[in-house]
Amino acid sequence: MTIKEIQDEIIDEFSMFDDWMQRYEYIIDLGKSLPLIEEGAKTDENLIKGVELIHSKLKDTLFSKGLEVVELKSGDAFDADFAEAITQIPAGDKLKGKIVDVIEKGYKLGDKIIRFPKVVIGQ
């Protein structure tokens, strides 16, 4: 394999990854839109069922390809390599430097975190 072929292969891989990330962001946006659709006063029930079905199928497909939720809970030690601190709040000594609340779930594909969980940590 020549250097040019290797470079072309790397570019193709980055392109495929970029496409996948755009689809992933669409799924996250779709998931965030479900509560807004349900709140609508004159919403068509079939629309809600259709969006939920699409969201469910896409989520199942991603999880079958190896997508995992990054599991964090209140009281876990904060590690910037695995979570994004949104804010700090005053907390007792028991929660100082630890996760107080998880605001948004994170996801990983294999060993790579593709979206860091957003957390509140104790000060």
PDB file of N, CA and C in Angstrom:
ATOM      1  N   MET A   1       0.842  -1.173   0.000  1.00  0.00           N
ATOM      2  CA  MET A   1       0.000   0.000   0.000  1.00  0.00           C
ATOM      3  C   MET A   1       0.892   1.243   0.000  1.00  0.00           C
ATOM      4  N   THR A   2       0.587   2.167  -0.892  1.00  0.00           N
ATOM      5  CA  THR A   2       1.392   3.387  -0.991  1.00  0.00           C
ATOM      6  C   THR A   2       0.919   4.417   0.034  1.00  0.00           C
ATOM      7  N   ILE A   3       1.733   5.432   0.234  1.00  0.00           N
ATOM      8  CA  ILE A   3       1.379   6.498   1.161  1.00  0.00           C
ATOM      9  C   ILE A   3       0.113   7.207   0.691  1.00  0.00           C
ATOM     10  N   LYS A   4       0.001   7.413  -0.596  1.00  0.00           N
ATOM     11  CA  LYS A   4      -1.186   8.073  -1.158  1.00  0.00           C
ATOM     12  C   LYS A   4      -2.445   7.247  -0.860  1.00  0.00           C
ATOM     13  N   GLU A   5      -2.364   5.937  -1.010  1.00  0.00           N
ATOM     14  CA  GLU A   5      -3.516   5.064  -0.730  1.00  0.00           C
ATOM     15  C   GLU A   5      -3.887   5.123   0.751  1.00  0.00           C
ATOM     16  N   ILE A   6      -2.883   5.156   1.616  1.00  0.00           N
ATOM     17  CA  ILE A   6      -3.133   5.240   3.056  1.00  0.00           C
ATOM     18  C   ILE A   6      -3.787   6.582   3.394  1.00  0.00           C
ATOM     19  N   GLN A   7      -3.284   7.670   2.789  1.00  0.00           N
ATOM     20  CA  GLN A   7      -3.876   8.989   3.024  1.00  0.00           C
ATOM     21  C   GLN A   7      -5.329   9.015   2.554  1.00  0.00           C
ATOM     22  N   ASP A   8      -5.596   8.452   1.376  1.00  0.00           N
ATOM     23  CA  ASP A   8      -6.968   8.407   0.860  1.00  0.00           C
ATOM     24  C   ASP A   8      -7.875   7.603   1.788  1.00  0.00           C
ATOM     25  N   GLU A   9      -7.364   6.505   2.320  1.00  0.00           N
ATOM     26  CA  GLU A   9      -8.154   5.676   3.228  1.00  0.00           C
ATOM     27  C   GLU A   9      -8.462   6.427   4.526  1.00  0.00           C
ATOM     28  N   ILE A  10      -7.480   7.150   5.038  1.00  0.00           N
ATOM     29  CA  ILE A  10      -7.691   7.934   6.263  1.00  0.00           C
ATOM     30  C   ILE A  10      -8.730   9.018   6.017  1.00  0.00           C
ATOM     31  N   ILE A  11      -8.647   9.696   4.886  1.00  0.00           N
ATOM     32  CA  ILE A  11      -9.624  10.735   4.545  1.00  0.00           C
ATOM     33  C   ILE A  11     -11.020  10.138   4.433  1.00  0.00           C
ATOM     34  N   ASP A  12     -11.132   8.962   3.822  1.00  0.00           N
ATOM     35  CA  ASP A  12     -12.428   8.284   3.718  1.00  0.00           C
ATOM     36  C   ASP A  12     -12.983   7.940   5.096  1.00  0.00           C
ATOM     37  N   GLU A  13     -12.128   7.462   5.995  1.00  0.00           N
ATOM     38  CA  GLU A  13     -12.561   7.107   7.348  1.00  0.00           C
ATOM     39  C   GLU A  13     -13.047   8.339   8.099  1.00  0.00           C
ATOM     40  N   PHE A  14     -12.313   9.452   7.996  1.00  0.00           N
ATOM     41  CA  PHE A  14     -12.735  10.686   8.653  1.00  0.00           C
ATOM     42  C   PHE A  14     -14.061  11.178   8.077  1.00  0.00           C
ATOM     43  N   SER A  15     -14.237  11.039   6.781  1.00  0.00           N
ATOM     44  CA  SER A  15     -15.473  11.450   6.136  1.00  0.00           C
ATOM     45  C   SER A  15     -16.649  10.615   6.642  1.00  0.00           C
ATOM     46  N   MET A  16     -16.449   9.300   6.738  1.00  0.00           N
ATOM     47  CA  MET A  16     -17.509   8.422   7.235  1.00  0.00           C
ATOM     48  C   MET A  16     -17.823   8.752   8.697  1.00  0.00           C
ATOM     49  N   PHE A  17     -16.799   9.033   9.505  1.00  0.00           N
ATOM     50  CA  PHE A  17     -17.017   9.379  10.900  1.00  0.00           C
ATOM     51  C   PHE A  17     -17.790  10.697  11.002  1.00  0.00           C
ATOM     52  N   ASP A  18     -17.430  11.680  10.178  1.00  0.00           N
ATOM     53  CA  ASP A  18     -18.126  12.963  10.184  1.00  0.00           C
ATOM     54  C   ASP A  18     -19.596  12.771   9.813  1.00  0.00           C
ATOM     55  N   ASP A  19     -19.874  11.952   8.810  1.00  0.00           N
ATOM     56  CA  ASP A  19     -21.260  11.658   8.424  1.00  0.00           C
ATOM     57  C   ASP A  19     -22.013  11.024   9.581  1.00  0.00           C
ATOM     58  N   TRP A  20     -21.359  10.084  10.259  1.00  0.00           N
ATOM     59  CA  TRP A  20     -21.998   9.403  11.380  1.00  0.00           C
ATOM     60  C   TRP A  20     -22.300  10.387  12.501  1.00  0.00           C
ATOM     61  N   MET A  21     -21.377  11.285  12.792  1.00  0.00           N
ATOM     62  CA  MET A  21     -21.588  12.266  13.862  1.00  0.00           C
ATOM     63  C   MET A  21     -22.753  13.200  13.529  1.00  0.00           C
ATOM     64  N   GLN A  22     -22.898  13.563  12.258  1.00  0.00           N
ATOM     65  CA  GLN A  22     -24.023  14.411  11.875  1.00  0.00           C
ATOM     66  C   GLN A  22     -25.337  13.675  12.093  1.00  0.00           C
ATOM     67  N   ARG A  23     -25.379  12.378  11.761  1.00  0.00           N
ATOM     68  CA  ARG A  23     -26.585  11.585  11.998  1.00  0.00           C
ATOM     69  C   ARG A  23     -26.850  11.449  13.494  1.00  0.00           C
ATOM     70  N   TYR A  24     -25.789  11.273  14.277  1.00  0.00           N
ATOM     71  CA  TYR A  24     -25.923  11.140  15.722  1.00  0.00           C
ATOM     72  C   TYR A  24     -26.517  12.419  16.309  1.00  0.00           C
ATOM     73  N   GLU A  25     -26.030  13.577  15.888  1.00  0.00           N
ATOM     74  CA  GLU A  25     -26.553  14.848  16.378  1.00  0.00           C
ATOM     75  C   GLU A  25     -28.030  14.983  16.019  1.00  0.00           C
ATOM     76  N   TYR A  26     -28.426  14.502  14.837  1.00  0.00           N
ATOM     77  CA  TYR A  26     -29.826  14.531  14.436  1.00  0.00           C
ATOM     78  C   TYR A  26     -30.668  13.718  15.416  1.00  0.00           C
ATOM     79  N   ILE A  27     -30.156  12.558  15.826  1.00  0.00           N
ATOM     80  CA  ILE A  27     -30.894  11.698  16.750  1.00  0.00           C
ATOM     81  C   ILE A  27     -31.044  12.390  18.102  1.00  0.00           C
ATOM     82  N   ILE A  28     -29.989  13.021  18.572  1.00  0.00           N
ATOM     83  CA  ILE A  28     -30.057  13.736  19.848  1.00  0.00           C
ATOM     84  C   ILE A  28     -31.090  14.860  19.744  1.00  0.00           C
ATOM     85  N   ASP A  29     -31.063  15.617  18.641  1.00  0.00           N
ATOM     86  CA  ASP A  29     -32.035  16.690  18.451  1.00  0.00           C
ATOM     87  C   ASP A  29     -33.452  16.133  18.378  1.00  0.00           C
ATOM     88  N   LEU A  30     -33.618  14.996  17.719  1.00  0.00           N
ATOM     89  CA  LEU A  30     -34.924  14.367  17.612  1.00  0.00           C
ATOM     90  C   LEU A  30     -35.424  13.978  18.996  1.00  0.00           C
ATOM     91  N   GLY A  31     -34.544  13.416  19.815  1.00  0.00           N
ATOM     92  CA  GLY A  31     -34.917  13.039  21.177  1.00  0.00           C
ATOM     93  C   GLY A  31     -35.328  14.236  22.013  1.00  0.00           C
ATOM     94  N   LYS A  32     -34.663  15.366  21.812  1.00  0.00           N
ATOM     95  CA  LYS A  32     -35.001  16.579  22.558  1.00  0.00           C
ATOM     96  C   LYS A  32     -36.329  17.159  22.087  1.00  0.00           C
ATOM     97  N   SER A  33     -36.720  16.882  20.847  1.00  0.00           N
ATOM     98  CA  SER A  33     -37.953  17.462  20.309  1.00  0.00           C
ATOM     99  C   SER A  33     -39.201  16.715  20.761  1.00  0.00           C
ATOM    100  N   LEU A  34     -39.073  15.474  21.200  1.00  0.00           N
ATOM    101  CA  LEU A  34     -40.252  14.700  21.593  1.00  0.00           C
ATOM    102  C   LEU A  34     -41.091  15.384  22.677  1.00  0.00           C
ATOM    103  N   PRO A  35     -40.490  15.872  23.767  1.00  0.00           N
ATOM    104  CA  PRO A  35     -41.322  16.544  24.779  1.00  0.00           C
ATOM    105  C   PRO A  35     -42.023  17.786  24.238  1.00  0.00           C
ATOM    106  N   LEU A  36     -41.369  18.507  23.332  1.00  0.00           N
ATOM    107  CA  LEU A  36     -41.991  19.702  22.758  1.00  0.00           C
ATOM    108  C   LEU A  36     -43.197  19.336  21.917  1.00  0.00           C
ATOM    109  N   ILE A  37     -43.084  18.246  21.165  1.00  0.00           N
ATOM    110  CA  ILE A  37     -44.205  17.798  20.340  1.00  0.00           C
ATOM    111  C   ILE A  37     -45.364  17.373  21.224  1.00  0.00           C
ATOM    112  N   GLU A  38     -45.065  16.646  22.313  1.00  0.00           N
ATOM    113  CA  GLU A  38     -46.116  16.159  23.201  1.00  0.00           C
ATOM    114  C   GLU A  38     -46.845  17.304  23.901  1.00  0.00           C
ATOM    115  N   GLU A  39     -46.161  18.429  24.113  1.00  0.00           N
ATOM    116  CA  GLU A  39     -46.766  19.564  24.801  1.00  0.00           C
ATOM    117  C   GLU A  39     -47.722  20.342  23.905  1.00  0.00           C
ATOM    118  N   GLY A  40     -47.587  20.196  22.593  1.00  0.00           N
ATOM    119  CA  GLY A  40     -48.427  20.953  21.670  1.00  0.00           C
ATOM    120  C   GLY A  40     -49.904  20.666  21.883  1.00  0.00           C
ATOM    121  N   ALA A  41     -50.729  21.711  21.900  1.00  0.00           N
ATOM    122  CA  ALA A  41     -52.150  21.552  22.183  1.00  0.00           C
ATOM    123  C   ALA A  41     -52.892  20.873  21.037  1.00  0.00           C
ATOM    124  N   LYS A  42     -52.524  21.171  19.795  1.00  0.00           N
ATOM    125  CA  LYS A  42     -53.247  20.629  18.640  1.00  0.00           C
ATOM    126  C   LYS A  42     -52.369  19.661  17.860  1.00  0.00           C
ATOM    127  N   THR A  43     -51.659  18.791  18.559  1.00  0.00           N
ATOM    128  CA  THR A  43     -50.720  17.887  17.908  1.00  0.00           C
ATOM    129  C   THR A  43     -51.431  16.632  17.440  1.00  0.00           C
ATOM    130  N   ASP A  44     -51.056  16.190  16.270  1.00  0.00           N
ATOM    131  CA  ASP A  44     -51.602  14.981  15.700  1.00  0.00           C
ATOM    132  C   ASP A  44     -50.950  13.773  16.387  1.00  0.00           C
ATOM    133  N   GLU A  45     -51.765  12.868  16.910  1.00  0.00           N
ATOM    134  CA  GLU A  45     -51.237  11.698  17.621  1.00  0.00           C
ATOM    135  C   GLU A  45     -50.375  10.819  16.715  1.00  0.00           C
ATOM    136  N   ASN A  46     -50.705  10.741  15.442  1.00  0.00           N
ATOM    137  CA  ASN A  46     -49.910   9.937  14.511  1.00  0.00           C
ATOM    138  C   ASN A  46     -48.513  10.522  14.324  1.00  0.00           C
ATOM    139  N   LEU A  47     -48.402  11.833  14.360  1.00  0.00           N
ATOM    140  CA  LEU A  47     -47.093  12.485  14.259  1.00  0.00           C
ATOM    141  C   LEU A  47     -46.222  12.087  15.445  1.00  0.00           C
ATOM    142  N   ILE A  48     -46.806  12.138  16.633  1.00  0.00           N
ATOM    143  CA  ILE A  48     -46.066  11.755  17.837  1.00  0.00           C
ATOM    144  C   ILE A  48     -45.616  10.306  17.740  1.00  0.00           C
ATOM    145  N   LYS A  49     -46.510   9.416  17.358  1.00  0.00           N
ATOM    146  CA  LYS A  49     -46.161   7.994  17.243  1.00  0.00           C
ATOM    147  C   LYS A  49     -45.083   7.775  16.189  1.00  0.00           C
ATOM    148  N   GLY A  50     -45.168   8.503  15.081  1.00  0.00           N
ATOM    149  CA  GLY A  50     -44.175   8.369  14.015  1.00  0.00           C
ATOM    150  C   GLY A  50     -42.791   8.815  14.456  1.00  0.00           C
ATOM    151  N   VAL A  51     -42.729   9.973  15.122  1.00  0.00           N
ATOM    152  CA  VAL A  51     -41.443  10.484  15.605  1.00  0.00           C
ATOM    153  C   VAL A  51     -40.873   9.545  16.657  1.00  0.00           C
ATOM    154  N   GLU A  52     -41.710   9.048  17.563  1.00  0.00           N
ATOM    155  CA  GLU A  52     -41.239   8.105  18.588  1.00  0.00           C
ATOM    156  C   GLU A  52     -40.721   6.821  17.957  1.00  0.00           C
ATOM    157  N   LEU A  53     -41.398   6.331  16.928  1.00  0.00           N
ATOM    158  CA  LEU A  53     -40.969   5.112  16.254  1.00  0.00           C
ATOM    159  C   LEU A  53     -39.611   5.314  15.570  1.00  0.00           C
ATOM    160  N   ILE A  54     -39.455   6.428  14.864  1.00  0.00           N
ATOM    161  CA  ILE A  54     -38.178   6.727  14.201  1.00  0.00           C
ATOM    162  C   ILE A  54     -37.070   6.857  15.241  1.00  0.00           C
ATOM    163  N   HIS A  55     -37.332   7.581  16.309  1.00  0.00           N
ATOM    164  CA  HIS A  55     -36.335   7.756  17.366  1.00  0.00           C
ATOM    165  C   HIS A  55     -35.945   6.409  17.968  1.00  0.00           C
ATOM    166  N   SER A  56     -36.930   5.577  18.233  1.00  0.00           N
ATOM    167  CA  SER A  56     -36.669   4.258  18.823  1.00  0.00           C
ATOM    168  C   SER A  56     -35.833   3.378  17.894  1.00  0.00           C
ATOM    169  N   LYS A  57     -36.175   3.359  16.617  1.00  0.00           N
ATOM    170  CA  LYS A  57     -35.437   2.534  15.643  1.00  0.00           C
ATOM    171  C   LYS A  57     -33.990   3.010  15.503  1.00  0.00           C
ATOM    172  N   LEU A  58     -33.797   4.320  15.397  1.00  0.00           N
ATOM    173  CA  LEU A  58     -32.442   4.856  15.267  1.00  0.00           C
ATOM    174  C   LEU A  58     -31.616   4.578  16.519  1.00  0.00           C
ATOM    175  N   LYS A  59     -32.237   4.754  17.686  1.00  0.00           N
ATOM    176  CA  LYS A  59     -31.536   4.500  18.940  1.00  0.00           C
ATOM    177  C   LYS A  59     -31.159   3.019  19.051  1.00  0.00           C
ATOM    178  N   ASP A  60     -32.089   2.123  18.716  1.00  0.00           N
ATOM    179  CA  ASP A  60     -31.801   0.687  18.758  1.00  0.00           C
ATOM    180  C   ASP A  60     -30.661   0.319  17.812  1.00  0.00           C
ATOM    181  N   THR A  61     -30.652   0.930  16.633  1.00  0.00           N
ATOM    182  CA  THR A  61     -29.588   0.658  15.662  1.00  0.00           C
ATOM    183  C   THR A  61     -28.235   1.102  16.207  1.00  0.00           C
ATOM    184  N   LEU A  62     -28.192   2.301  16.790  1.00  0.00           N
ATOM    185  CA  LEU A  62     -26.928   2.796  17.350  1.00  0.00           C
ATOM    186  C   LEU A  62     -26.444   1.915  18.496  1.00  0.00           C
ATOM    187  N   PHE A  63     -27.340   1.509  19.373  1.00  0.00           N
ATOM    188  CA  PHE A  63     -26.934   0.658  20.482  1.00  0.00           C
ATOM    189  C   PHE A  63     -26.484  -0.717  19.988  1.00  0.00           C
ATOM    190  N   SER A  64     -27.082  -1.209  18.912  1.00  0.00           N
ATOM    191  CA  SER A  64     -26.652  -2.501  18.363  1.00  0.00           C
ATOM    192  C   SER A  64     -25.266  -2.397  17.712  1.00  0.00           C
ATOM    193  N   LYS A  65     -24.869  -1.190  17.319  1.00  0.00           N
ATOM    194  CA  LYS A  65     -23.544  -0.969  16.730  1.00  0.00           C
ATOM    195  C   LYS A  65     -22.481  -0.675  17.781  1.00  0.00           C
ATOM    196  N   GLY A  66     -22.861  -0.698  19.062  1.00  0.00           N
ATOM    197  CA  GLY A  66     -21.872  -0.528  20.119  1.00  0.00           C
ATOM    198  C   GLY A  66     -21.971   0.759  20.911  1.00  0.00           C
ATOM    199  N   LEU A  67     -22.965   1.584  20.639  1.00  0.00           N
ATOM    200  CA  LEU A  67     -23.143   2.813  21.410  1.00  0.00           C
ATOM    201  C   LEU A  67     -23.536   2.450  22.841  1.00  0.00           C
ATOM    202  N   GLU A  68     -22.935   3.120  23.818  1.00  0.00           N
ATOM    203  CA  GLU A  68     -23.236   2.875  25.228  1.00  0.00           C
ATOM    204  C   GLU A  68     -23.419   4.202  25.946  1.00  0.00           C
ATOM    205  N   VAL A  69     -24.250   4.191  26.985  1.00  0.00           N
ATOM    206  CA  VAL A  69     -24.422   5.358  27.835  1.00  0.00           C
ATOM    207  C   VAL A  69     -23.253   5.384  28.819  1.00  0.00           C
ATOM    208  N   VAL A  70     -22.670   6.565  29.033  1.00  0.00           N
ATOM    209  CA  VAL A  70     -21.619   6.720  30.039  1.00  0.00           C
ATOM    210  C   VAL A  70     -22.334   6.779  31.391  1.00  0.00           C
ATOM    211  N   GLU A  71     -22.095   5.791  32.220  1.00  0.00           N
ATOM    212  CA  GLU A  71     -22.796   5.668  33.501  1.00  0.00           C
ATOM    213  C   GLU A  71     -22.107   6.499  34.580  1.00  0.00           C
ATOM    214  N   LEU A  72     -22.773   7.551  35.025  1.00  0.00           N
ATOM    215  CA  LEU A  72     -22.320   8.377  36.140  1.00  0.00           C
ATOM    216  C   LEU A  72     -23.510   8.620  37.051  1.00  0.00           C
ATOM    217  N   LYS A  73     -23.232   8.760  38.333  1.00  0.00           N
ATOM    218  CA  LYS A  73     -24.319   9.053  39.267  1.00  0.00           C
ATOM    219  C   LYS A  73     -23.827  10.006  40.352  1.00  0.00           C
ATOM    220  N   SER A  74     -24.757  10.543  41.089  1.00  0.00           N
ATOM    221  CA  SER A  74     -24.426  11.455  42.170  1.00  0.00           C
ATOM    222  C   SER A  74     -23.522  10.745  43.176  1.00  0.00           C
ATOM    223  N   GLY A  75     -22.466  11.434  43.577  1.00  0.00           N
ATOM    224  CA  GLY A  75     -21.521  10.872  44.538  1.00  0.00           C
ATOM    225  C   GLY A  75     -20.266  10.302  43.895  1.00  0.00           C
ATOM    226  N   ASP A  76     -20.294  10.075  42.566  1.00  0.00           N
ATOM    227  CA  ASP A  76     -19.094   9.594  41.874  1.00  0.00           C
ATOM    228  C   ASP A  76     -18.040  10.697  41.851  1.00  0.00           C
ATOM    229  N   ALA A  77     -16.780  10.307  41.901  1.00  0.00           N
ATOM    230  CA  ALA A  77     -15.694  11.287  41.798  1.00  0.00           C
ATOM    231  C   ALA A  77     -15.706  11.915  40.405  1.00  0.00           C
ATOM    232  N   PHE A  78     -15.511  13.223  40.337  1.00  0.00           N
ATOM    233  CA  PHE A  78     -15.483  13.913  39.045  1.00  0.00           C
ATOM    234  C   PHE A  78     -14.138  13.678  38.372  1.00  0.00           C
ATOM    235  N   ASP A  79     -14.186  13.312  37.098  1.00  0.00           N
ATOM    236  CA  ASP A  79     -12.984  13.118  36.291  1.00  0.00           C
ATOM    237  C   ASP A  79     -13.220  13.825  34.959  1.00  0.00           C
ATOM    238  N   ALA A  80     -12.434  14.857  34.674  1.00  0.00           N
ATOM    239  CA  ALA A  80     -12.613  15.657  33.455  1.00  0.00           C
ATOM    240  C   ALA A  80     -12.390  14.845  32.180  1.00  0.00           C
ATOM    241  N   ASP A  81     -11.764  13.670  32.292  1.00  0.00           N
ATOM    242  CA  ASP A  81     -11.577  12.823  31.120  1.00  0.00           C
ATOM    243  C   ASP A  81     -12.862  12.103  30.729  1.00  0.00           C
ATOM    244  N   PHE A  82     -13.852  12.066  31.620  1.00  0.00           N
ATOM    245  CA  PHE A  82     -15.074  11.319  31.367  1.00  0.00           C
ATOM    246  C   PHE A  82     -16.347  12.140  31.490  1.00  0.00           C
ATOM    247  N   ALA A  83     -16.250  13.408  31.901  1.00  0.00           N
ATOM    248  CA  ALA A  83     -17.442  14.235  32.073  1.00  0.00           C
ATOM    249  C   ALA A  83     -17.089  15.706  31.900  1.00  0.00           C
ATOM    250  N   GLU A  84     -18.111  16.492  31.592  1.00  0.00           N
ATOM    251  CA  GLU A  84     -17.959  17.936  31.432  1.00  0.00           C
ATOM    252  C   GLU A  84     -18.705  18.623  32.575  1.00  0.00           C
ATOM    253  N   ALA A  85     -17.985  19.396  33.369  1.00  0.00           N
ATOM    254  CA  ALA A  85     -18.608  20.118  34.487  1.00  0.00           C
ATOM    255  C   ALA A  85     -19.277  21.378  33.952  1.00  0.00           C
ATOM    256  N   ILE A  86     -20.578  21.461  34.138  1.00  0.00           N
ATOM    257  CA  ILE A  86     -21.339  22.627  33.691  1.00  0.00           C
ATOM    258  C   ILE A  86     -21.217  23.746  34.724  1.00  0.00           C
ATOM    259  N   THR A  87     -21.317  23.370  35.988  1.00  0.00           N
ATOM    260  CA  THR A  87     -21.224  24.356  37.059  1.00  0.00           C
ATOM    261  C   THR A  87     -20.803  23.667  38.349  1.00  0.00           C
ATOM    262  N   GLN A  88     -20.466  24.488  39.328  1.00  0.00           N
ATOM    263  CA  GLN A  88     -20.157  23.994  40.666  1.00  0.00           C
ATOM    264  C   GLN A  88     -21.136  24.627  41.634  1.00  0.00           C
ATOM    265  N   ILE A  89     -21.553  23.853  42.619  1.00  0.00           N
ATOM    266  CA  ILE A  89     -22.440  24.397  43.639  1.00  0.00           C
ATOM    267  C   ILE A  89     -21.847  24.094  45.009  1.00  0.00           C
ATOM    268  N   PRO A  90     -22.144  24.938  46.000  1.00  0.00           N
ATOM    269  CA  PRO A  90     -21.666  24.647  47.345  1.00  0.00           C
ATOM    270  C   PRO A  90     -22.248  23.316  47.821  1.00  0.00           C
ATOM    271  N   ALA A  91     -21.400  22.484  48.360  1.00  0.00           N
ATOM    272  CA  ALA A  91     -21.835  21.184  48.873  1.00  0.00           C
ATOM    273  C   ALA A  91     -21.023  20.870  50.114  1.00  0.00           C
ATOM    274  N   GLY A  92     -21.516  19.974  50.899  1.00  0.00           N
ATOM    275  CA  GLY A  92     -20.784  19.583  52.098  1.00  0.00           C
ATOM    276  C   GLY A  92     -19.490  18.884  51.726  1.00  0.00           C
ATOM    277  N   ASP A  93     -18.703  18.591  52.751  1.00  0.00           N
ATOM    278  CA  ASP A  93     -17.426  17.903  52.522  1.00  0.00           C
ATOM    279  C   ASP A  93     -17.625  16.558  51.835  1.00  0.00           C
ATOM    280  N   LYS A  94     -18.776  15.957  52.068  1.00  0.00           N
ATOM    281  CA  LYS A  94     -19.060  14.640  51.487  1.00  0.00           C
ATOM    282  C   LYS A  94     -19.086  14.675  49.949  1.00  0.00           C
ATOM    283  N   LEU A  95     -19.558  15.781  49.367  1.00  0.00           N
ATOM    284  CA  LEU A  95     -19.680  15.886  47.911  1.00  0.00           C
ATOM    285  C   LEU A  95     -18.660  16.827  47.269  1.00  0.00           C
ATOM    286  N   LYS A  96     -17.698  17.298  48.034  1.00  0.00           N
ATOM    287  CA  LYS A  96     -16.690  18.209  47.497  1.00  0.00           C
ATOM    288  C   LYS A  96     -15.863  17.488  46.434  1.00  0.00           C
ATOM    289  N   GLY A  97     -15.847  18.039  45.210  1.00  0.00           N
ATOM    290  CA  GLY A  97     -15.101  17.440  44.103  1.00  0.00           C
ATOM    291  C   GLY A  97     -15.782  16.221  43.503  1.00  0.00           C
ATOM    292  N   LYS A  98     -17.023  15.998  43.890  1.00  0.00           N
ATOM    293  CA  LYS A  98     -17.775  14.853  43.370  1.00  0.00           C
ATOM    294  C   LYS A  98     -18.984  15.336  42.580  1.00  0.00           C
ATOM    295  N   ILE A  99     -19.553  14.431  41.830  1.00  0.00           N
ATOM    296  CA  ILE A  99     -20.725  14.747  41.018  1.00  0.00           C
ATOM    297  C   ILE A  99     -21.935  14.883  41.927  1.00  0.00           C
ATOM    298  N   VAL A 100     -22.637  16.008  41.787  1.00  0.00           N
ATOM    299  CA  VAL A 100     -23.856  16.258  42.549  1.00  0.00           C
ATOM    300  C   VAL A 100     -25.067  15.842  41.723  1.00  0.00           C
ATOM    301  N   ASP A 101     -25.029  16.135  40.422  1.00  0.00           N
ATOM    302  CA  ASP A 101     -26.159  15.822  39.548  1.00  0.00           C
ATOM    303  C   ASP A 101     -25.664  15.634  38.120  1.00  0.00           C
ATOM    304  N   VAL A 102     -26.334  14.765  37.378  1.00  0.00           N
ATOM    305  CA  VAL A 102     -26.048  14.569  35.960  1.00  0.00           C
ATOM    306  C   VAL A 102     -27.139  15.291  35.185  1.00  0.00           C
ATOM    307  N   ILE A 103     -26.752  16.319  34.427  1.00  0.00           N
ATOM    308  CA  ILE A 103     -27.703  17.145  33.686  1.00  0.00           C
ATOM    309  C   ILE A 103     -28.063  16.499  32.354  1.00  0.00           C
ATOM    310  N   GLU A 104     -27.070  15.952  31.664  1.00  0.00           N
ATOM    311  CA  GLU A 104     -27.299  15.345  30.342  1.00  0.00           C
ATOM    312  C   GLU A 104     -26.421  14.103  30.217  1.00  0.00           C
ATOM    313  N   LYS A 105     -27.027  13.020  29.738  1.00  0.00           N
ATOM    314  CA  LYS A 105     -26.288  11.768  29.577  1.00  0.00           C
ATOM    315  C   LYS A 105     -25.169  11.919  28.561  1.00  0.00           C
ATOM    316  N   GLY A 106     -24.155  11.102  28.737  1.00  0.00           N
ATOM    317  CA  GLY A 106     -23.071  11.036  27.769  1.00  0.00           C
ATOM    318  C   GLY A 106     -23.095   9.685  27.079  1.00  0.00           C
ATOM    319  N   TYR A 107     -22.391   9.595  25.947  1.00  0.00           N
ATOM    320  CA  TYR A 107     -22.368   8.353  25.177  1.00  0.00           C
ATOM    321  C   TYR A 107     -20.953   8.038  24.734  1.00  0.00           C
ATOM    322  N   LYS A 108     -20.678   6.743  24.611  1.00  0.00           N
ATOM    323  CA  LYS A 108     -19.384   6.314  24.091  1.00  0.00           C
ATOM    324  C   LYS A 108     -19.610   5.214  23.064  1.00  0.00           C
ATOM    325  N   LEU A 109     -18.675   5.143  22.147  1.00  0.00           N
ATOM    326  CA  LEU A 109     -18.671   4.115  21.119  1.00  0.00           C
ATOM    327  C   LEU A 109     -17.356   3.379  21.273  1.00  0.00           C
ATOM    328  N   GLY A 110     -17.440   2.149  21.781  1.00  0.00           N
ATOM    329  CA  GLY A 110     -16.218   1.429  22.129  1.00  0.00           C
ATOM    330  C   GLY A 110     -15.584   2.114  23.323  1.00  0.00           C
ATOM    331  N   ASP A 111     -14.308   2.467  23.215  1.00  0.00           N
ATOM    332  CA  ASP A 111     -13.613   3.159  24.302  1.00  0.00           C
ATOM    333  C   ASP A 111     -13.618   4.675  24.136  1.00  0.00           C
ATOM    334  N   LYS A 112     -14.161   5.173  23.029  1.00  0.00           N
ATOM    335  CA  LYS A 112     -14.123   6.613  22.743  1.00  0.00           C
ATOM    336  C   LYS A 112     -15.434   7.274  23.165  1.00  0.00           C
ATOM    337  N   ILE A 113     -15.317   8.322  23.980  1.00  0.00           N
ATOM    338  CA  ILE A 113     -16.495   9.086  24.374  1.00  0.00           C
ATOM    339  C   ILE A 113     -16.842  10.023  23.230  1.00  0.00           C
ATOM    340  N   ILE A 114     -18.088   9.928  22.739  1.00  0.00           N
ATOM    341  CA  ILE A 114     -18.492  10.782  21.624  1.00  0.00           C
ATOM    342  C   ILE A 114     -19.338  11.963  22.083  1.00  0.00           C
ATOM    343  N   ARG A 115     -19.904  11.867  23.284  1.00  0.00           N
ATOM    344  CA  ARG A 115     -20.528  13.031  23.923  1.00  0.00           C
ATOM    345  C   ARG A 115     -20.332  12.880  25.426  1.00  0.00           C
ATOM    346  N   PHE A 116     -19.659  13.863  26.005  1.00  0.00           N
ATOM    347  CA  PHE A 116     -19.390  13.815  27.435  1.00  0.00           C
ATOM    348  C   PHE A 116     -20.667  14.108  28.222  1.00  0.00           C
ATOM    349  N   PRO A 117     -20.883  13.387  29.328  1.00  0.00           N
ATOM    350  CA  PRO A 117     -22.026  13.729  30.174  1.00  0.00           C
ATOM    351  C   PRO A 117     -21.798  15.105  30.799  1.00  0.00           C
ATOM    352  N   LYS A 118     -22.863  15.873  30.916  1.00  0.00           N
ATOM    353  CA  LYS A 118     -22.773  17.194  31.537  1.00  0.00           C
ATOM    354  C   LYS A 118     -23.227  17.052  32.985  1.00  0.00           C
ATOM    355  N   VAL A 119     -22.343  17.505  33.903  1.00  0.00           N
ATOM    356  CA  VAL A 119     -22.604  17.281  35.327  1.00  0.00           C
ATOM    357  C   VAL A 119     -22.427  18.557  36.140  1.00  0.00           C
ATOM    358  N   VAL A 120     -23.014  18.539  37.326  1.00  0.00           N
ATOM    359  CA  VAL A 120     -22.820  19.588  38.339  1.00  0.00           C
ATOM    360  C   VAL A 120     -21.937  18.957  39.402  1.00  0.00           C
ATOM    361  N   ILE A 121     -20.911  19.691  39.828  1.00  0.00           N
ATOM    362  CA  ILE A 121     -20.015  19.137  40.853  1.00  0.00           C
ATOM    363  C   ILE A 121     -20.057  19.993  42.109  1.00  0.00           C
ATOM    364  N   GLY A 122     -19.722  19.346  43.226  1.00  0.00           N
ATOM    365  CA  GLY A 122     -19.701  20.025  44.519  1.00  0.00           C
ATOM    366  C   GLY A 122     -18.435  20.829  44.715  1.00  0.00           C
ATOM    367  N   GLN A 123     -18.576  21.955  45.379  1.00  0.00           N
ATOM    368  CA  GLN A 123     -17.451  22.870  45.605  1.00  0.00           C
ATOM    369  C   GLN A 123     -16.887  22.674  46.994  1.00  0.00           C
TER     370      GLN A 123
END
